[in-house]
Amino acid sequence: MKYASLDVGLKRIGLAICLQGDIIIPQNAIIRKNRNQAALEVDNFLKEWEIEKLVVGIPKGGSSSEEMQRRIEHFVSLLNFDKKILYQDEYNSSVEAKELMKGSIKQKRDGKIDSIAAQIILQRYLQK
């Protein structure tokens, strides 16, 4: 089964894939110019990798989580993906990603942290 995961943010969308087994590889993030452009790029990515299941990080709990959950679900509704879409709690995934990146490279806003967060989200799902 080929899995992909998304860490949907307002500026960047982190991506990770698992093509077989339990090896999860972060991919280049998508920089959002607008939601339609981002959805098209995600669709192209999913099609190119022949993804069979999509795991989307979603916040559970917290004061701003309802609004962000609504935005993420709206973004996912824009995708042209007709396979299984699952939601996974993304709690603290970005904080964990920043911790993993500490000292390895200078933290930029290039989406690497977002894609590592997507990797963490997919790990959580696969470990269920």
N, C-alpha and C. Protein backbone atom coordinates (compact mmCIF):
# COMPACT_ATOMS: atom_id res chain seq x y z
N MET A 1 0.85 -1.18 0.00
CA MET A 1 0.00 0.00 0.00
C MET A 1 0.89 1.24 0.00
N LYS A 2 0.60 2.19 -0.86
CA LYS A 2 1.35 3.45 -0.93
C LYS A 2 0.59 4.54 -0.19
N TYR A 3 1.24 5.08 0.84
CA TYR A 3 0.65 6.12 1.67
C TYR A 3 1.35 7.45 1.42
N ALA A 4 0.60 8.53 1.61
CA ALA A 4 1.17 9.87 1.67
C ALA A 4 0.52 10.57 2.84
N SER A 5 1.23 11.56 3.37
CA SER A 5 0.62 12.36 4.44
C SER A 5 0.85 13.83 4.16
N LEU A 6 -0.07 14.63 4.69
CA LEU A 6 -0.01 16.08 4.53
C LEU A 6 -0.02 16.74 5.90
N ASP A 7 0.81 17.75 6.03
CA ASP A 7 0.74 18.67 7.17
C ASP A 7 0.33 20.01 6.54
N VAL A 8 -0.97 20.30 6.59
CA VAL A 8 -1.52 21.46 5.90
C VAL A 8 -1.37 22.70 6.78
N GLY A 9 -0.67 23.69 6.25
CA GLY A 9 -0.53 24.96 6.93
C GLY A 9 -1.03 26.08 6.03
N LEU A 10 -1.05 27.28 6.55
CA LEU A 10 -1.53 28.42 5.77
C LEU A 10 -0.51 28.89 4.75
N LYS A 11 0.77 28.61 4.97
CA LYS A 11 1.82 29.05 4.04
C LYS A 11 2.51 27.91 3.31
N ARG A 12 2.57 26.74 3.96
CA ARG A 12 3.25 25.59 3.38
C ARG A 12 2.47 24.32 3.67
N ILE A 13 2.65 23.33 2.79
CA ILE A 13 2.06 22.01 3.00
C ILE A 13 3.19 21.00 2.99
N GLY A 14 3.41 20.39 4.15
CA GLY A 14 4.44 19.36 4.25
C GLY A 14 3.92 18.06 3.68
N LEU A 15 4.83 17.31 3.02
CA LEU A 15 4.47 16.05 2.39
C LEU A 15 5.44 14.96 2.82
N ALA A 16 4.92 13.76 2.98
CA ALA A 16 5.76 12.59 3.23
C ALA A 16 5.10 11.39 2.56
N ILE A 17 5.92 10.40 2.20
CA ILE A 17 5.40 9.19 1.56
C ILE A 17 5.95 7.95 2.24
N CYS A 18 5.20 6.87 2.13
CA CYS A 18 5.61 5.54 2.56
C CYS A 18 5.18 4.61 1.43
N LEU A 19 6.15 4.11 0.68
CA LEU A 19 5.82 3.30 -0.48
C LEU A 19 5.73 1.82 -0.16
N GLN A 20 6.48 1.38 0.85
CA GLN A 20 6.39 -0.01 1.29
C GLN A 20 7.01 -0.13 2.68
N GLY A 21 6.54 -1.10 3.40
CA GLY A 21 7.08 -1.28 4.75
C GLY A 21 6.76 -0.11 5.65
N ASP A 22 7.75 0.29 6.44
CA ASP A 22 7.52 1.39 7.37
C ASP A 22 8.55 2.49 7.21
N ILE A 23 9.16 2.58 6.04
CA ILE A 23 10.11 3.66 5.76
C ILE A 23 9.33 4.85 5.21
N ILE A 24 9.38 5.94 5.95
CA ILE A 24 8.63 7.14 5.57
C ILE A 24 9.64 8.22 5.19
N ILE A 25 9.44 8.80 4.02
CA ILE A 25 10.39 9.76 3.48
C ILE A 25 9.72 11.11 3.31
N PRO A 26 10.24 12.15 3.99
CA PRO A 26 9.69 13.49 3.77
C PRO A 26 10.01 13.95 2.33
N GLN A 27 9.11 14.69 1.76
CA GLN A 27 9.28 15.21 0.40
C GLN A 27 9.38 16.73 0.45
N ASN A 28 9.66 17.35 -0.70
CA ASN A 28 9.68 18.81 -0.74
C ASN A 28 8.28 19.34 -0.46
N ALA A 29 8.22 20.33 0.40
CA ALA A 29 6.93 20.94 0.75
C ALA A 29 6.41 21.77 -0.42
N ILE A 30 5.12 22.00 -0.38
CA ILE A 30 4.48 22.88 -1.37
C ILE A 30 4.29 24.24 -0.71
N ILE A 31 4.78 25.26 -1.37
CA ILE A 31 4.59 26.62 -0.89
C ILE A 31 3.25 27.11 -1.43
N ARG A 32 2.37 27.52 -0.53
CA ARG A 32 1.02 27.94 -0.93
C ARG A 32 1.02 29.38 -1.42
N LYS A 33 0.58 29.56 -2.65
CA LYS A 33 0.31 30.90 -3.16
C LYS A 33 -1.18 31.18 -2.98
N ASN A 34 -1.97 30.14 -3.28
CA ASN A 34 -3.40 30.17 -3.02
C ASN A 34 -3.87 28.71 -2.90
N ARG A 35 -5.06 28.51 -2.41
CA ARG A 35 -5.49 27.13 -2.14
C ARG A 35 -5.68 26.31 -3.40
N ASN A 36 -6.12 26.93 -4.50
CA ASN A 36 -6.32 26.17 -5.74
C ASN A 36 -5.00 25.69 -6.32
N GLN A 37 -3.99 26.57 -6.32
CA GLN A 37 -2.66 26.18 -6.80
C GLN A 37 -2.10 25.07 -5.93
N ALA A 38 -2.24 25.19 -4.61
CA ALA A 38 -1.71 24.18 -3.69
C ALA A 38 -2.43 22.85 -3.88
N ALA A 39 -3.76 22.88 -4.03
CA ALA A 39 -4.53 21.64 -4.24
C ALA A 39 -4.10 20.96 -5.53
N LEU A 40 -3.88 21.73 -6.59
CA LEU A 40 -3.43 21.16 -7.87
C LEU A 40 -2.06 20.50 -7.72
N GLU A 41 -1.15 21.15 -6.99
CA GLU A 41 0.17 20.57 -6.78
C GLU A 41 0.10 19.30 -5.94
N VAL A 42 -0.76 19.28 -4.92
CA VAL A 42 -0.93 18.07 -4.12
C VAL A 42 -1.52 16.96 -4.99
N ASP A 43 -2.53 17.28 -5.80
CA ASP A 43 -3.12 16.29 -6.71
C ASP A 43 -2.06 15.69 -7.63
N ASN A 44 -1.22 16.54 -8.21
CA ASN A 44 -0.17 16.07 -9.11
C ASN A 44 0.81 15.15 -8.38
N PHE A 45 1.16 15.52 -7.16
CA PHE A 45 2.06 14.71 -6.34
C PHE A 45 1.44 13.33 -6.07
N LEU A 46 0.18 13.31 -5.66
CA LEU A 46 -0.49 12.04 -5.34
C LEU A 46 -0.60 11.15 -6.57
N LYS A 47 -0.87 11.75 -7.70
CA LYS A 47 -0.99 10.99 -8.96
C LYS A 47 0.38 10.46 -9.38
N GLU A 48 1.40 11.30 -9.31
CA GLU A 48 2.76 10.91 -9.72
C GLU A 48 3.26 9.71 -8.91
N TRP A 49 3.00 9.70 -7.61
CA TRP A 49 3.47 8.62 -6.74
C TRP A 49 2.46 7.47 -6.64
N GLU A 50 1.32 7.57 -7.32
CA GLU A 50 0.28 6.53 -7.32
C GLU A 50 -0.14 6.16 -5.89
N ILE A 51 -0.43 7.20 -5.12
CA ILE A 51 -0.78 7.04 -3.71
C ILE A 51 -2.16 6.39 -3.58
N GLU A 52 -2.25 5.44 -2.65
CA GLU A 52 -3.50 4.72 -2.43
C GLU A 52 -4.26 5.18 -1.19
N LYS A 53 -3.54 5.72 -0.19
CA LYS A 53 -4.18 6.25 1.02
C LYS A 53 -3.50 7.55 1.39
N LEU A 54 -4.32 8.52 1.77
CA LEU A 54 -3.81 9.83 2.17
C LEU A 54 -4.16 10.06 3.64
N VAL A 55 -3.14 10.37 4.42
CA VAL A 55 -3.31 10.66 5.84
C VAL A 55 -3.06 12.15 6.03
N VAL A 56 -4.05 12.84 6.57
CA VAL A 56 -3.98 14.29 6.73
C VAL A 56 -3.93 14.62 8.22
N GLY A 57 -2.94 15.42 8.61
CA GLY A 57 -2.84 15.86 9.99
C GLY A 57 -3.92 16.87 10.30
N ILE A 58 -4.54 16.69 11.46
CA ILE A 58 -5.61 17.60 11.87
C ILE A 58 -5.49 17.87 13.37
N PRO A 59 -5.67 19.13 13.77
CA PRO A 59 -5.52 19.43 15.21
C PRO A 59 -6.74 18.95 16.00
N LYS A 60 -6.47 18.40 17.14
CA LYS A 60 -7.54 17.96 18.04
C LYS A 60 -7.36 18.71 19.35
N GLY A 61 -8.34 19.47 19.73
CA GLY A 61 -8.27 20.23 20.99
C GLY A 61 -7.55 21.56 20.80
N GLY A 62 -7.59 22.39 21.81
CA GLY A 62 -6.96 23.70 21.72
C GLY A 62 -7.94 24.75 21.25
N SER A 63 -7.64 26.00 21.52
CA SER A 63 -8.59 27.08 21.24
C SER A 63 -8.77 27.36 19.75
N SER A 64 -7.69 27.26 18.97
CA SER A 64 -7.81 27.60 17.55
C SER A 64 -7.96 26.36 16.68
N SER A 65 -8.09 25.17 17.29
CA SER A 65 -8.10 23.95 16.49
C SER A 65 -9.36 23.80 15.63
N GLU A 66 -10.51 24.28 16.12
CA GLU A 66 -11.74 24.15 15.33
C GLU A 66 -11.64 24.90 14.01
N GLU A 67 -11.12 26.12 14.06
CA GLU A 67 -10.97 26.93 12.84
C GLU A 67 -9.97 26.28 11.89
N MET A 68 -8.84 25.81 12.42
CA MET A 68 -7.84 25.18 11.57
C MET A 68 -8.36 23.86 11.01
N GLN A 69 -9.09 23.12 11.80
CA GLN A 69 -9.69 21.87 11.32
C GLN A 69 -10.64 22.15 10.16
N ARG A 70 -11.45 23.18 10.29
CA ARG A 70 -12.37 23.56 9.22
C ARG A 70 -11.60 23.92 7.95
N ARG A 71 -10.51 24.68 8.10
CA ARG A 71 -9.69 25.08 6.94
C ARG A 71 -9.04 23.87 6.27
N ILE A 72 -8.54 22.95 7.09
CA ILE A 72 -7.89 21.75 6.53
C ILE A 72 -8.92 20.90 5.79
N GLU A 73 -10.08 20.69 6.39
CA GLU A 73 -11.11 19.89 5.73
C GLU A 73 -11.57 20.55 4.43
N HIS A 74 -11.65 21.88 4.42
CA HIS A 74 -12.01 22.57 3.18
C HIS A 74 -10.93 22.35 2.12
N PHE A 75 -9.67 22.48 2.53
CA PHE A 75 -8.57 22.26 1.57
C PHE A 75 -8.65 20.84 1.00
N VAL A 76 -8.85 19.85 1.86
CA VAL A 76 -8.92 18.46 1.41
C VAL A 76 -10.09 18.27 0.44
N SER A 77 -11.17 19.00 0.65
CA SER A 77 -12.33 18.89 -0.26
C SER A 77 -12.00 19.41 -1.66
N LEU A 78 -10.96 20.22 -1.79
CA LEU A 78 -10.54 20.74 -3.09
C LEU A 78 -9.72 19.72 -3.89
N LEU A 79 -9.24 18.69 -3.22
CA LEU A 79 -8.40 17.69 -3.89
C LEU A 79 -9.25 16.82 -4.81
N ASN A 80 -8.61 16.38 -5.86
CA ASN A 80 -9.24 15.51 -6.83
C ASN A 80 -8.76 14.08 -6.58
N PHE A 81 -8.81 13.64 -5.34
CA PHE A 81 -8.27 12.35 -4.92
C PHE A 81 -9.43 11.44 -4.58
N ASP A 82 -9.57 10.34 -5.31
CA ASP A 82 -10.74 9.49 -5.14
C ASP A 82 -10.47 8.23 -4.31
N LYS A 83 -9.33 8.20 -3.65
CA LYS A 83 -9.00 7.05 -2.81
C LYS A 83 -9.28 7.41 -1.34
N LYS A 84 -8.87 6.56 -0.44
CA LYS A 84 -9.17 6.73 0.99
C LYS A 84 -8.39 7.91 1.59
N ILE A 85 -9.11 8.78 2.31
CA ILE A 85 -8.51 9.90 3.04
C ILE A 85 -8.81 9.69 4.52
N LEU A 86 -7.76 9.73 5.33
CA LEU A 86 -7.88 9.51 6.77
C LEU A 86 -7.30 10.71 7.49
N TYR A 87 -7.82 10.98 8.68
CA TYR A 87 -7.31 12.10 9.48
C TYR A 87 -6.58 11.55 10.70
N GLN A 88 -5.46 12.18 11.02
CA GLN A 88 -4.64 11.78 12.16
C GLN A 88 -4.33 13.01 13.00
N ASP A 89 -4.43 12.87 14.30
CA ASP A 89 -4.10 13.98 15.19
C ASP A 89 -2.66 14.43 14.95
N GLU A 90 -2.48 15.71 14.72
CA GLU A 90 -1.15 16.24 14.44
C GLU A 90 -0.53 16.91 15.66
N TYR A 91 -1.12 16.71 16.82
CA TYR A 91 -0.68 17.40 18.03
C TYR A 91 0.84 17.36 18.20
N ASN A 92 1.42 18.54 18.28
CA ASN A 92 2.85 18.72 18.56
C ASN A 92 3.79 18.21 17.47
N SER A 93 3.28 17.82 16.30
CA SER A 93 4.15 17.27 15.26
C SER A 93 5.17 18.30 14.78
N SER A 94 4.77 19.57 14.68
CA SER A 94 5.72 20.61 14.24
C SER A 94 6.79 20.86 15.29
N VAL A 95 6.40 20.79 16.56
CA VAL A 95 7.38 20.97 17.64
C VAL A 95 8.38 19.81 17.62
N GLU A 96 7.87 18.58 17.44
CA GLU A 96 8.76 17.42 17.34
C GLU A 96 9.70 17.55 16.14
N ALA A 97 9.17 18.02 15.02
CA ALA A 97 9.99 18.19 13.81
C ALA A 97 11.10 19.20 14.05
N LYS A 98 10.78 20.31 14.71
CA LYS A 98 11.81 21.32 15.02
C LYS A 98 12.88 20.73 15.92
N GLU A 99 12.47 19.91 16.88
CA GLU A 99 13.44 19.27 17.78
C GLU A 99 14.36 18.34 17.00
N LEU A 100 13.79 17.58 16.06
CA LEU A 100 14.60 16.67 15.24
C LEU A 100 15.59 17.42 14.36
N MET A 101 15.21 18.61 13.93
CA MET A 101 16.05 19.40 13.02
C MET A 101 17.10 20.22 13.76
N LYS A 102 16.96 20.35 15.05
CA LYS A 102 17.88 21.19 15.83
C LYS A 102 19.32 20.79 15.59
N GLY A 103 20.13 21.76 15.21
CA GLY A 103 21.55 21.52 15.03
C GLY A 103 21.93 20.93 13.70
N SER A 104 20.99 20.34 12.97
CA SER A 104 21.37 19.71 11.70
C SER A 104 21.52 20.73 10.58
N ILE A 105 20.60 21.64 10.48
CA ILE A 105 20.70 22.70 9.48
C ILE A 105 20.06 23.95 10.06
N LYS A 106 20.39 25.06 9.46
CA LYS A 106 19.74 26.30 9.88
C LYS A 106 18.26 26.21 9.49
N GLN A 107 17.41 26.50 10.45
CA GLN A 107 15.98 26.39 10.19
C GLN A 107 15.53 27.55 9.30
N LYS A 108 15.04 27.18 8.12
CA LYS A 108 14.54 28.16 7.16
C LYS A 108 13.04 27.94 7.01
N ARG A 109 12.46 28.79 6.24
CA ARG A 109 11.02 28.64 5.95
C ARG A 109 10.81 27.99 4.59
N ASP A 110 11.58 26.93 4.34
CA ASP A 110 11.52 26.25 3.05
C ASP A 110 10.60 25.03 3.06
N GLY A 111 10.03 24.74 4.21
CA GLY A 111 9.08 23.63 4.29
C GLY A 111 9.66 22.33 4.80
N LYS A 112 10.95 22.26 5.06
CA LYS A 112 11.54 21.00 5.56
C LYS A 112 10.89 20.57 6.87
N ILE A 113 10.70 21.52 7.77
CA ILE A 113 10.07 21.19 9.05
C ILE A 113 8.63 20.71 8.83
N ASP A 114 7.93 21.33 7.89
CA ASP A 114 6.55 20.93 7.58
C ASP A 114 6.50 19.49 7.06
N SER A 115 7.47 19.13 6.22
CA SER A 115 7.50 17.77 5.67
C SER A 115 7.93 16.75 6.71
N ILE A 116 8.79 17.14 7.64
CA ILE A 116 9.13 16.22 8.73
C ILE A 116 7.92 16.06 9.65
N ALA A 117 7.14 17.13 9.84
CA ALA A 117 5.90 17.01 10.60
C ALA A 117 4.95 16.03 9.90
N ALA A 118 4.88 16.09 8.57
CA ALA A 118 4.06 15.14 7.81
C ALA A 118 4.57 13.72 8.01
N GLN A 119 5.88 13.56 8.07
CA GLN A 119 6.47 12.25 8.33
C GLN A 119 6.05 11.72 9.71
N ILE A 120 6.07 12.59 10.70
CA ILE A 120 5.66 12.21 12.06
C ILE A 120 4.18 11.83 12.09
N ILE A 121 3.36 12.59 11.39
CA ILE A 121 1.92 12.30 11.31
C ILE A 121 1.69 10.91 10.71
N LEU A 122 2.40 10.60 9.64
CA LEU A 122 2.25 9.29 9.00
C LEU A 122 2.79 8.17 9.90
N GLN A 123 3.88 8.41 10.60
CA GLN A 123 4.40 7.42 11.55
C GLN A 123 3.34 7.10 12.61
N ARG A 124 2.72 8.15 13.15
CA ARG A 124 1.69 7.95 14.16
C ARG A 124 0.54 7.08 13.62
N TYR A 125 0.13 7.38 12.40
CA TYR A 125 -0.98 6.61 11.81
C TYR A 125 -0.57 5.15 11.63
N LEU A 126 0.62 4.92 11.10
CA LEU A 126 1.04 3.54 10.81
C LEU A 126 1.33 2.73 12.07
N GLN A 127 1.58 3.41 13.18
CA GLN A 127 1.86 2.72 14.44
C GLN A 127 0.60 2.38 15.22
N LYS A 128 -0.54 2.78 14.72
CA LYS A 128 -1.82 2.48 15.42
C LYS A 128 -2.07 0.99 15.47
